[in-house]
Structures are given as structure tokens and as C-alpha cells.
């Protein structure tokens, strides 16, 4: 059975550990971890994961810039943002650059595994209560 490969990028080691534990418990392979956007971009290009989980607010490159650069490189990985930012405008900005998942950190335990499953299936996921009315499924 193929286990989907996930790269985690967050400047907080504690959140990296929690996210890895959550996803490995749902039969995903965490193939790498990075503590800033630049290292995350390099890891994504080198490891070729199926999903990249990115924090928005990180040193060097923020999550939006990493997502933009992955898209520029025509990288196949689906992107899920994992963030404290509970703002619909952030969701809209993420969607505009091709991000398919948006998870609020306070809902990480319930939403991160679901978001990864949804983006792998070609759908979108946004943590409640931030869903957009015009969101395609």
C-alpha cells in the first residue's frame, strides 16, 4: 500500500512534532521537517513529497512565498497552510496562489489529518469557521 509522503515546515519545533505525530498516526509518511521557509522550499524540491504543510509566519521565506515558488517550479505537491491566522482574507490569498488546504493551529488535531486527506483527493479544506461561501469542492 502506498503511503502518501508529507513534508512539514514550521519554525516552531513543538508544532512540527505534534503535526508529525498526528499524520503518522493516520498512515502518512513524514519524509522531512524544516524550520524556515528557505529550508522548506529546498526540502520540497529535493524530497518531492505529495503534500507540503507550511506555516505562514516563518523566517527567510513565509508560507505564501514558499507556496508561490513551488507553483513557479510546477511542483506537484498539494499545499496545506497550518497557521494561527484566523482571517478569511488569508484564506482568499492562499487560494489565489493555488493553496488547497488551510488549517488553524488551534484545530490542528481534528483538521490537519482531514485536510491532508482532502487535498490528496483533489479537493479543498478550510478549517471552520473560515470556509468561503464561494469555495469550490
Foldseek 3Di string as FASTA:
>chain_A
DDAFEEEEEALDVVLVVVLCVLQVVVRHHDPYYYNFLVVQLVCCVVVLGQEYEAEQDGPPHGPLRSLLVCVVVVRNHAYAYEYQDPDLVVVVSCVVSRHQHYHYNVCCNPPVNVQVVQVSVVHHYYDPPNDDPPGDD
